[in-house]
Amino acid sequence: MSNEDFAKQLDQDMDIIHTAFQRDYKEEIEGLLGLSREEIDKITPDTTDLETYDKLIAVVRRASVNNISQAELKNRIKELGEVAILISMRVTKLARLFI
């Protein structure tokens, strides 16, 4: 990947992040980003929890940017699996989706 391609991708990512923080799921994203490594490690002892955590953040950001419903967000989190649901349960606004 060239430096120019990398810079374009980074710009796109920054646009997505900025837009996500201006939309509906801002508090959920902030809650996820506020979780410590120790909190995430308590969920599962292996390294897949961090990968799932990253995917979960991406899903919530994308949900915010695309203005999807809470029901759809819940379904997308479920698709990530049990670890994603357990991580979500540590964020009050996301936990409400599963109660």
PDB file of N, CA and C in Angstrom:
ATOM      1  N   MET A   1       0.852  -1.166   0.000  1.00  0.00           N
ATOM      2  CA  MET A   1       0.000   0.000   0.000  1.00  0.00           C
ATOM      3  C   MET A   1       0.901   1.233   0.000  1.00  0.00           C
ATOM      4  N   SER A   2       0.595   2.131  -0.880  1.00  0.00           N
ATOM      5  CA  SER A   2       1.398   3.346  -0.960  1.00  0.00           C
ATOM      6  C   SER A   2       1.044   4.292   0.187  1.00  0.00           C
ATOM      7  N   ASN A   3       1.924   5.234   0.420  1.00  0.00           N
ATOM      8  CA  ASN A   3       1.669   6.236   1.454  1.00  0.00           C
ATOM      9  C   ASN A   3       0.417   7.050   1.137  1.00  0.00           C
ATOM     10  N   GLU A   4       0.208   7.319  -0.145  1.00  0.00           N
ATOM     11  CA  GLU A   4      -0.971   8.082  -0.563  1.00  0.00           C
ATOM     12  C   GLU A   4      -2.254   7.306  -0.287  1.00  0.00           C
ATOM     13  N   ASP A   5      -2.249   6.002  -0.610  1.00  0.00           N
ATOM     14  CA  ASP A   5      -3.421   5.162  -0.334  1.00  0.00           C
ATOM     15  C   ASP A   5      -3.685   5.082   1.169  1.00  0.00           C
ATOM     16  N   PHE A   6      -2.621   4.933   1.923  1.00  0.00           N
ATOM     17  CA  PHE A   6      -2.754   4.872   3.380  1.00  0.00           C
ATOM     18  C   PHE A   6      -3.337   6.178   3.919  1.00  0.00           C
ATOM     19  N   ALA A   7      -2.855   7.291   3.421  1.00  0.00           N
ATOM     20  CA  ALA A   7      -3.348   8.601   3.857  1.00  0.00           C
ATOM     21  C   ALA A   7      -4.830   8.775   3.518  1.00  0.00           C
ATOM     22  N   LYS A   8      -5.246   8.292   2.352  1.00  0.00           N
ATOM     23  CA  LYS A   8      -6.656   8.374   1.963  1.00  0.00           C
ATOM     24  C   LYS A   8      -7.527   7.546   2.895  1.00  0.00           C
ATOM     25  N   GLN A   9      -7.067   6.339   3.196  1.00  0.00           N
ATOM     26  CA  GLN A   9      -7.815   5.478   4.111  1.00  0.00           C
ATOM     27  C   GLN A   9      -7.908   6.110   5.500  1.00  0.00           C
ATOM     28  N   LEU A  10      -6.827   6.678   5.949  1.00  0.00           N
ATOM     29  CA  LEU A  10      -6.811   7.324   7.259  1.00  0.00           C
ATOM     30  C   LEU A  10      -7.777   8.507   7.279  1.00  0.00           C
ATOM     31  N   ASP A  11      -7.796   9.293   6.220  1.00  0.00           N
ATOM     32  CA  ASP A  11      -8.739  10.411   6.126  1.00  0.00           C
ATOM     33  C   ASP A  11     -10.183   9.917   6.179  1.00  0.00           C
ATOM     34  N   GLN A  12     -10.464   8.838   5.470  1.00  0.00           N
ATOM     35  CA  GLN A  12     -11.815   8.266   5.486  1.00  0.00           C
ATOM     36  C   GLN A  12     -12.175   7.786   6.892  1.00  0.00           C
ATOM     37  N   ASP A  13     -11.233   7.127   7.555  1.00  0.00           N
ATOM     38  CA  ASP A  13     -11.475   6.657   8.915  1.00  0.00           C
ATOM     39  C   ASP A  13     -11.750   7.826   9.854  1.00  0.00           C
ATOM     40  N   MET A  14     -10.988   8.891   9.716  1.00  0.00           N
ATOM     41  CA  MET A  14     -11.185  10.065  10.568  1.00  0.00           C
ATOM     42  C   MET A  14     -12.545  10.708  10.321  1.00  0.00           C
ATOM     43  N   ASP A  15     -12.976  10.720   9.072  1.00  0.00           N
ATOM     44  CA  ASP A  15     -14.308  11.248   8.751  1.00  0.00           C
ATOM     45  C   ASP A  15     -15.396  10.410   9.408  1.00  0.00           C
ATOM     46  N   ILE A  16     -15.245   9.094   9.353  1.00  0.00           N
ATOM     47  CA  ILE A  16     -16.216   8.193   9.971  1.00  0.00           C
ATOM     48  C   ILE A  16     -16.256   8.409  11.480  1.00  0.00           C
ATOM     49  N   ILE A  17     -15.093   8.493  12.091  1.00  0.00           N
ATOM     50  CA  ILE A  17     -15.024   8.688  13.544  1.00  0.00           C
ATOM     51  C   ILE A  17     -15.670  10.011  13.934  1.00  0.00           C
ATOM     52  N   HIS A  18     -15.357  11.064  13.209  1.00  0.00           N
ATOM     53  CA  HIS A  18     -15.930  12.379  13.508  1.00  0.00           C
ATOM     54  C   HIS A  18     -17.447  12.356  13.353  1.00  0.00           C
ATOM     55  N   THR A  19     -17.920  11.783  12.269  1.00  0.00           N
ATOM     56  CA  THR A  19     -19.362  11.721  12.023  1.00  0.00           C
ATOM     57  C   THR A  19     -20.047  10.884  13.099  1.00  0.00           C
ATOM     58  N   ALA A  20     -19.430   9.780  13.487  1.00  0.00           N
ATOM     59  CA  ALA A  20     -20.016   8.915  14.506  1.00  0.00           C
ATOM     60  C   ALA A  20     -20.202   9.649  15.822  1.00  0.00           C
ATOM     61  N   PHE A  21     -19.260  10.515  16.162  1.00  0.00           N
ATOM     62  CA  PHE A  21     -19.362  11.250  17.413  1.00  0.00           C
ATOM     63  C   PHE A  21     -20.368  12.385  17.345  1.00  0.00           C
ATOM     64  N   GLN A  22     -20.884  12.671  16.177  1.00  0.00           N
ATOM     65  CA  GLN A  22     -21.889  13.720  16.030  1.00  0.00           C
ATOM     66  C   GLN A  22     -23.307  13.146  15.968  1.00  0.00           C
ATOM     67  N   ARG A  23     -23.434  11.845  15.976  1.00  0.00           N
ATOM     68  CA  ARG A  23     -24.731  11.209  15.748  1.00  0.00           C
ATOM     69  C   ARG A  23     -25.267  10.491  16.983  1.00  0.00           C
ATOM     70  N   ASP A  24     -26.192   9.579  16.753  1.00  0.00           N
ATOM     71  CA  ASP A  24     -26.987   8.944  17.794  1.00  0.00           C
ATOM     72  C   ASP A  24     -26.224   8.117  18.827  1.00  0.00           C
ATOM     73  N   TYR A  25     -25.197   7.423  18.458  1.00  0.00           N
ATOM     74  CA  TYR A  25     -24.560   6.481  19.368  1.00  0.00           C
ATOM     75  C   TYR A  25     -23.274   7.023  19.991  1.00  0.00           C
ATOM     76  N   LYS A  26     -23.193   8.318  20.155  1.00  0.00           N
ATOM     77  CA  LYS A  26     -22.009   8.953  20.724  1.00  0.00           C
ATOM     78  C   LYS A  26     -21.680   8.403  22.115  1.00  0.00           C
ATOM     79  N   GLU A  27     -22.671   8.347  22.992  1.00  0.00           N
ATOM     80  CA  GLU A  27     -22.427   7.881  24.356  1.00  0.00           C
ATOM     81  C   GLU A  27     -22.007   6.418  24.388  1.00  0.00           C
ATOM     82  N   GLU A  28     -22.571   5.617  23.505  1.00  0.00           N
ATOM     83  CA  GLU A  28     -22.199   4.212  23.443  1.00  0.00           C
ATOM     84  C   GLU A  28     -20.737   4.055  23.015  1.00  0.00           C
ATOM     85  N   ILE A  29     -20.334   4.849  22.036  1.00  0.00           N
ATOM     86  CA  ILE A  29     -18.944   4.804  21.567  1.00  0.00           C
ATOM     87  C   ILE A  29     -18.012   5.255  22.684  1.00  0.00           C
ATOM     88  N   GLU A  30     -18.365   6.343  23.348  1.00  0.00           N
ATOM     89  CA  GLU A  30     -17.536   6.834  24.451  1.00  0.00           C
ATOM     90  C   GLU A  30     -17.428   5.787  25.556  1.00  0.00           C
ATOM     91  N   GLY A  31     -18.540   5.104  25.836  1.00  0.00           N
ATOM     92  CA  GLY A  31     -18.521   4.052  26.852  1.00  0.00           C
ATOM     93  C   GLY A  31     -17.591   2.914  26.484  1.00  0.00           C
ATOM     94  N   LEU A  32     -17.643   2.503  25.229  1.00  0.00           N
ATOM     95  CA  LEU A  32     -16.747   1.431  24.777  1.00  0.00           C
ATOM     96  C   LEU A  32     -15.292   1.861  24.856  1.00  0.00           C
ATOM     97  N   LEU A  33     -15.026   3.076  24.393  1.00  0.00           N
ATOM     98  CA  LEU A  33     -13.639   3.558  24.402  1.00  0.00           C
ATOM     99  C   LEU A  33     -13.120   3.752  25.820  1.00  0.00           C
ATOM    100  N   GLY A  34     -14.030   3.920  26.770  1.00  0.00           N
ATOM    101  CA  GLY A  34     -13.633   4.115  28.164  1.00  0.00           C
ATOM    102  C   GLY A  34     -13.330   2.833  28.911  1.00  0.00           C
ATOM    103  N   LEU A  35     -13.601   1.690  28.304  1.00  0.00           N
ATOM    104  CA  LEU A  35     -13.308   0.418  28.969  1.00  0.00           C
ATOM    105  C   LEU A  35     -11.803   0.199  29.037  1.00  0.00           C
ATOM    106  N   SER A  36     -11.359  -0.273  30.169  1.00  0.00           N
ATOM    107  CA  SER A  36      -9.929  -0.545  30.327  1.00  0.00           C
ATOM    108  C   SER A  36      -9.593  -1.940  29.805  1.00  0.00           C
ATOM    109  N   ARG A  37      -8.330  -2.148  29.565  1.00  0.00           N
ATOM    110  CA  ARG A  37      -7.852  -3.469  29.121  1.00  0.00           C
ATOM    111  C   ARG A  37      -8.208  -4.531  30.159  1.00  0.00           C
ATOM    112  N   GLU A  38      -8.119  -4.169  31.432  1.00  0.00           N
ATOM    113  CA  GLU A  38      -8.438  -5.106  32.501  1.00  0.00           C
ATOM    114  C   GLU A  38      -9.911  -5.518  32.450  1.00  0.00           C
ATOM    115  N   GLU A  39     -10.795  -4.552  32.171  1.00  0.00           N
ATOM    116  CA  GLU A  39     -12.218  -4.869  32.068  1.00  0.00           C
ATOM    117  C   GLU A  39     -12.488  -5.822  30.920  1.00  0.00           C
ATOM    118  N   ILE A  40     -11.823  -5.598  29.819  1.00  0.00           N
ATOM    119  CA  ILE A  40     -12.005  -6.466  28.653  1.00  0.00           C
ATOM    120  C   ILE A  40     -11.417  -7.842  28.924  1.00  0.00           C
ATOM    121  N   ASP A  41     -10.255  -7.886  29.559  1.00  0.00           N
ATOM    122  CA  ASP A  41      -9.609  -9.163  29.865  1.00  0.00           C
ATOM    123  C   ASP A  41     -10.431 -10.010  30.825  1.00  0.00           C
ATOM    124  N   LYS A  42     -11.259  -9.390  31.656  1.00  0.00           N
ATOM    125  CA  LYS A  42     -12.109 -10.139  32.587  1.00  0.00           C
ATOM    126  C   LYS A  42     -13.168 -10.949  31.845  1.00  0.00           C
ATOM    127  N   ILE A  43     -13.487 -10.546  30.638  1.00  0.00           N
ATOM    128  CA  ILE A  43     -14.540 -11.213  29.875  1.00  0.00           C
ATOM    129  C   ILE A  43     -14.050 -12.553  29.344  1.00  0.00           C
ATOM    130  N   THR A  44     -12.899 -12.547  28.704  1.00  0.00           N
ATOM    131  CA  THR A  44     -12.303 -13.785  28.215  1.00  0.00           C
ATOM    132  C   THR A  44     -10.794 -13.703  28.413  1.00  0.00           C
ATOM    133  N   PRO A  45     -10.182 -14.820  28.703  1.00  0.00           N
ATOM    134  CA  PRO A  45      -8.746 -14.797  28.967  1.00  0.00           C
ATOM    135  C   PRO A  45      -7.851 -14.775  27.733  1.00  0.00           C
ATOM    136  N   ASP A  46      -8.424 -14.969  26.552  1.00  0.00           N
ATOM    137  CA  ASP A  46      -7.569 -15.024  25.364  1.00  0.00           C
ATOM    138  C   ASP A  46      -7.578 -13.691  24.614  1.00  0.00           C
ATOM    139  N   THR A  47      -6.841 -13.651  23.530  1.00  0.00           N
ATOM    140  CA  THR A  47      -6.682 -12.388  22.800  1.00  0.00           C
ATOM    141  C   THR A  47      -7.831 -12.087  21.855  1.00  0.00           C
ATOM    142  N   THR A  48      -8.741 -13.015  21.654  1.00  0.00           N
ATOM    143  CA  THR A  48      -9.856 -12.754  20.741  1.00  0.00           C
ATOM    144  C   THR A  48     -10.778 -11.664  21.277  1.00  0.00           C
ATOM    145  N   ASP A  49     -10.733 -11.431  22.595  1.00  0.00           N
ATOM    146  CA  ASP A  49     -11.597 -10.400  23.154  1.00  0.00           C
ATOM    147  C   ASP A  49     -11.222  -9.023  22.631  1.00  0.00           C
ATOM    148  N   LEU A  50      -9.948  -8.743  22.449  1.00  0.00           N
ATOM    149  CA  LEU A  50      -9.535  -7.438  21.919  1.00  0.00           C
ATOM    150  C   LEU A  50      -9.938  -7.268  20.457  1.00  0.00           C
ATOM    151  N   GLU A  51      -9.838  -8.333  19.698  1.00  0.00           N
ATOM    152  CA  GLU A  51     -10.264  -8.269  18.300  1.00  0.00           C
ATOM    153  C   GLU A  51     -11.774  -8.026  18.232  1.00  0.00           C
ATOM    154  N   THR A  52     -12.510  -8.726  19.064  1.00  0.00           N
ATOM    155  CA  THR A  52     -13.961  -8.541  19.106  1.00  0.00           C
ATOM    156  C   THR A  52     -14.303  -7.135  19.585  1.00  0.00           C
ATOM    157  N   TYR A  53     -13.571  -6.648  20.563  1.00  0.00           N
ATOM    158  CA  TYR A  53     -13.758  -5.285  21.070  1.00  0.00           C
ATOM    159  C   TYR A  53     -13.576  -4.266  19.944  1.00  0.00           C
ATOM    160  N   ASP A  54     -12.535  -4.420  19.157  1.00  0.00           N
ATOM    161  CA  ASP A  54     -12.296  -3.518  18.024  1.00  0.00           C
ATOM    162  C   ASP A  54     -13.437  -3.598  17.009  1.00  0.00           C
ATOM    163  N   LYS A  55     -13.892  -4.813  16.728  1.00  0.00           N
ATOM    164  CA  LYS A  55     -15.003  -4.990  15.790  1.00  0.00           C
ATOM    165  C   LYS A  55     -16.276  -4.350  16.339  1.00  0.00           C
ATOM    166  N   LEU A  56     -16.495  -4.491  17.629  1.00  0.00           N
ATOM    167  CA  LEU A  56     -17.676  -3.912  18.266  1.00  0.00           C
ATOM    168  C   LEU A  56     -17.672  -2.390  18.142  1.00  0.00           C
ATOM    169  N   ILE A  57     -16.533  -1.793  18.403  1.00  0.00           N
ATOM    170  CA  ILE A  57     -16.422  -0.337  18.248  1.00  0.00           C
ATOM    171  C   ILE A  57     -16.735   0.054  16.798  1.00  0.00           C
ATOM    172  N   ALA A  58     -16.186  -0.692  15.851  1.00  0.00           N
ATOM    173  CA  ALA A  58     -16.434  -0.390  14.433  1.00  0.00           C
ATOM    174  C   ALA A  58     -17.918  -0.513  14.093  1.00  0.00           C
ATOM    175  N   VAL A  59     -18.586  -1.527  14.627  1.00  0.00           N
ATOM    176  CA  VAL A  59     -20.011  -1.726  14.360  1.00  0.00           C
ATOM    177  C   VAL A  59     -20.822  -0.566  14.934  1.00  0.00           C
ATOM    178  N   VAL A  60     -20.519  -0.142  16.148  1.00  0.00           N
ATOM    179  CA  VAL A  60     -21.275   0.949  16.771  1.00  0.00           C
ATOM    180  C   VAL A  60     -20.999   2.263  16.041  1.00  0.00           C
ATOM    181  N   ARG A  61     -19.765   2.483  15.650  1.00  0.00           N
ATOM    182  CA  ARG A  61     -19.455   3.696  14.873  1.00  0.00           C
ATOM    183  C   ARG A  61     -20.225   3.703  13.560  1.00  0.00           C
ATOM    184  N   ARG A  62     -20.212   2.568  12.879  1.00  0.00           N
ATOM    185  CA  ARG A  62     -20.902   2.469  11.589  1.00  0.00           C
ATOM    186  C   ARG A  62     -22.407   2.650  11.796  1.00  0.00           C
ATOM    187  N   ALA A  63     -22.935   2.115  12.876  1.00  0.00           N
ATOM    188  CA  ALA A  63     -24.365   2.286  13.180  1.00  0.00           C
ATOM    189  C   ALA A  63     -24.702   3.755  13.382  1.00  0.00           C
ATOM    190  N   SER A  64     -23.807   4.469  14.029  1.00  0.00           N
ATOM    191  CA  SER A  64     -24.025   5.893  14.261  1.00  0.00           C
ATOM    192  C   SER A  64     -23.977   6.670  12.954  1.00  0.00           C
ATOM    193  N   VAL A  65     -22.983   6.398  12.149  1.00  0.00           N
ATOM    194  CA  VAL A  65     -22.825   7.092  10.870  1.00  0.00           C
ATOM    195  C   VAL A  65     -24.023   6.819   9.957  1.00  0.00           C
ATOM    196  N   ASN A  66     -24.483   5.575   9.940  1.00  0.00           N
ATOM    197  CA  ASN A  66     -25.573   5.183   9.047  1.00  0.00           C
ATOM    198  C   ASN A  66     -26.951   5.322   9.680  1.00  0.00           C
ATOM    199  N   ASN A  67     -26.964   5.792  10.932  1.00  0.00           N
ATOM    200  CA  ASN A  67     -28.229   6.064  11.618  1.00  0.00           C
ATOM    201  C   ASN A  67     -29.144   4.844  11.647  1.00  0.00           C
ATOM    202  N   ILE A  68     -28.599   3.682  12.003  1.00  0.00           N
ATOM    203  CA  ILE A  68     -29.424   2.477  12.047  1.00  0.00           C
ATOM    204  C   ILE A  68     -30.166   2.396  13.377  1.00  0.00           C
ATOM    205  N   SER A  69     -31.217   1.623  13.393  1.00  0.00           N
ATOM    206  CA  SER A  69     -32.057   1.495  14.583  1.00  0.00           C
ATOM    207  C   SER A  69     -31.346   0.708  15.676  1.00  0.00           C
ATOM    208  N   GLN A  70     -31.871   0.831  16.887  1.00  0.00           N
ATOM    209  CA  GLN A  70     -31.317   0.069  17.997  1.00  0.00           C
ATOM    210  C   GLN A  70     -31.508  -1.426  17.782  1.00  0.00           C
ATOM    211  N   ALA A  71     -32.631  -1.809  17.211  1.00  0.00           N
ATOM    212  CA  ALA A  71     -32.879  -3.227  16.933  1.00  0.00           C
ATOM    213  C   ALA A  71     -31.846  -3.789  15.962  1.00  0.00           C
ATOM    214  N   GLU A  72     -31.528  -3.018  14.942  1.00  0.00           N
ATOM    215  CA  GLU A  72     -30.522  -3.457  13.973  1.00  0.00           C
ATOM    216  C   GLU A  72     -29.139  -3.497  14.613  1.00  0.00           C
ATOM    217  N   LEU A  73     -28.832  -2.509  15.443  1.00  0.00           N
ATOM    218  CA  LEU A  73     -27.542  -2.517  16.143  1.00  0.00           C
ATOM    219  C   LEU A  73     -27.441  -3.754  17.027  1.00  0.00           C
ATOM    220  N   LYS A  74     -28.493  -4.060  17.736  1.00  0.00           N
ATOM    221  CA  LYS A  74     -28.507  -5.255  18.590  1.00  0.00           C
ATOM    222  C   LYS A  74     -28.216  -6.502  17.757  1.00  0.00           C
ATOM    223  N   ASN A  75     -28.867  -6.627  16.601  1.00  0.00           N
ATOM    224  CA  ASN A  75     -28.641  -7.783  15.728  1.00  0.00           C
ATOM    225  C   ASN A  75     -27.191  -7.857  15.257  1.00  0.00           C
ATOM    226  N   ARG A  76     -26.633  -6.723  14.914  1.00  0.00           N
ATOM    227  CA  ARG A  76     -25.242  -6.717  14.437  1.00  0.00           C
ATOM    228  C   ARG A  76     -24.266  -7.075  15.555  1.00  0.00           C
ATOM    229  N   ILE A  77     -24.564  -6.643  16.764  1.00  0.00           N
ATOM    230  CA  ILE A  77     -23.721  -7.028  17.897  1.00  0.00           C
ATOM    231  C   ILE A  77     -23.840  -8.524  18.142  1.00  0.00           C
ATOM    232  N   LYS A  78     -25.044  -9.055  18.069  1.00  0.00           N
ATOM    233  CA  LYS A  78     -25.252 -10.500  18.242  1.00  0.00           C
ATOM    234  C   LYS A  78     -24.450 -11.290  17.218  1.00  0.00           C
ATOM    235  N   GLU A  79     -24.383 -10.776  15.998  1.00  0.00           N
ATOM    236  CA  GLU A  79     -23.622 -11.459  14.943  1.00  0.00           C
ATOM    237  C   GLU A  79     -22.135 -11.567  15.293  1.00  0.00           C
ATOM    238  N   LEU A  80     -21.636 -10.633  16.103  1.00  0.00           N
ATOM    239  CA  LEU A  80     -20.232 -10.679  16.529  1.00  0.00           C
ATOM    240  C   LEU A  80     -19.988 -11.762  17.569  1.00  0.00           C
ATOM    241  N   GLY A  81     -21.052 -12.231  18.213  1.00  0.00           N
ATOM    242  CA  GLY A  81     -20.925 -13.346  19.149  1.00  0.00           C
ATOM    243  C   GLY A  81     -21.036 -12.952  20.614  1.00  0.00           C
ATOM    244  N   GLU A  82     -20.908 -13.985  21.438  1.00  0.00           N
ATOM    245  CA  GLU A  82     -21.098 -13.846  22.886  1.00  0.00           C
ATOM    246  C   GLU A  82     -20.139 -12.848  23.525  1.00  0.00           C
ATOM    247  N   VAL A  83     -18.896 -12.837  23.093  1.00  0.00           N
ATOM    248  CA  VAL A  83     -17.915 -11.912  23.675  1.00  0.00           C
ATOM    249  C   VAL A  83     -18.341 -10.472  23.419  1.00  0.00           C
ATOM    250  N   ALA A  84     -18.826 -10.176  22.227  1.00  0.00           N
ATOM    251  CA  ALA A  84     -19.283  -8.817  21.914  1.00  0.00           C
ATOM    252  C   ALA A  84     -20.470  -8.424  22.793  1.00  0.00           C
ATOM    253  N   ILE A  85     -21.363  -9.369  23.026  1.00  0.00           N
ATOM    254  CA  ILE A  85     -22.503  -9.087  23.897  1.00  0.00           C
ATOM    255  C   ILE A  85     -22.024  -8.818  25.317  1.00  0.00           C
ATOM    256  N   LEU A  86     -21.089  -9.626  25.803  1.00  0.00           N
ATOM    257  CA  LEU A  86     -20.560  -9.423  27.151  1.00  0.00           C
ATOM    258  C   LEU A  86     -19.849  -8.077  27.291  1.00  0.00           C
ATOM    259  N   ILE A  87     -19.107  -7.690  26.273  1.00  0.00           N
ATOM    260  CA  ILE A  87     -18.453  -6.372  26.297  1.00  0.00           C
ATOM    261  C   ILE A  87     -19.521  -5.284  26.289  1.00  0.00           C
ATOM    262  N   SER A  88     -20.528  -5.436  25.458  1.00  0.00           N
ATOM    263  CA  SER A  88     -21.613  -4.450  25.380  1.00  0.00           C
ATOM    264  C   SER A  88     -22.306  -4.275  26.723  1.00  0.00           C
ATOM    265  N   MET A  89     -22.422  -5.355  27.472  1.00  0.00           N
ATOM    266  CA  MET A  89     -23.094  -5.306  28.767  1.00  0.00           C
ATOM    267  C   MET A  89     -22.340  -4.444  29.775  1.00  0.00           C
ATOM    268  N   ARG A  90     -21.096  -4.120  29.491  1.00  0.00           N
ATOM    269  CA  ARG A  90     -20.301  -3.261  30.377  1.00  0.00           C
ATOM    270  C   ARG A  90     -20.540  -1.776  30.102  1.00  0.00           C
ATOM    271  N   VAL A  91     -21.295  -1.476  29.060  1.00  0.00           N
ATOM    272  CA  VAL A  91     -21.623  -0.093  28.694  1.00  0.00           C
ATOM    273  C   VAL A  91     -23.130   0.069  28.874  1.00  0.00           C
ATOM    274  N   THR A  92     -23.531   0.904  29.812  1.00  0.00           N
ATOM    275  CA  THR A  92     -24.934   1.015  30.199  1.00  0.00           C
ATOM    276  C   THR A  92     -25.879   1.166  29.018  1.00  0.00           C
ATOM    277  N   LYS A  93     -25.593   2.072  28.119  1.00  0.00           N
ATOM    278  CA  LYS A  93     -26.505   2.321  26.994  1.00  0.00           C
ATOM    279  C   LYS A  93     -26.572   1.130  26.048  1.00  0.00           C
ATOM    280  N   LEU A  94     -25.512   0.384  25.902  1.00  0.00           N
ATOM    281  CA  LEU A  94     -25.546  -0.810  25.063  1.00  0.00           C
ATOM    282  C   LEU A  94     -26.186  -1.972  25.814  1.00  0.00           C
ATOM    283  N   ALA A  95     -25.953  -2.048  27.100  1.00  0.00           N
ATOM    284  CA  ALA A  95     -26.544  -3.121  27.908  1.00  0.00           C
ATOM    285  C   ALA A  95     -28.061  -3.090  27.822  1.00  0.00           C
ATOM    286  N   ARG A  96     -28.631  -1.897  27.723  1.00  0.00           N
ATOM    287  CA  ARG A  96     -30.089  -1.754  27.630  1.00  0.00           C
ATOM    288  C   ARG A  96     -30.667  -2.453  26.403  1.00  0.00           C
ATOM    289  N   LEU A  97     -29.862  -2.640  25.382  1.00  0.00           N
ATOM    290  CA  LEU A  97     -30.319  -3.336  24.193  1.00  0.00           C
ATOM    291  C   LEU A  97     -30.622  -4.812  24.491  1.00  0.00           C
ATOM    292  N   PHE A  98     -29.956  -5.356  25.494  1.00  0.00           N
ATOM    293  CA  PHE A  98     -30.037  -6.798  25.768  1.00  0.00           C
ATOM    294  C   PHE A  98     -30.853  -7.135  27.010  1.00  0.00           C
ATOM    295  N   ILE A  99     -31.460  -6.135  27.613  1.00  0.00           N
ATOM    296  CA  ILE A  99     -32.258  -6.364  28.829  1.00  0.00           C
ATOM    297  C   ILE A  99     -33.709  -6.534  28.459  1.00  0.00           C
TER     298      ILE A  99
END
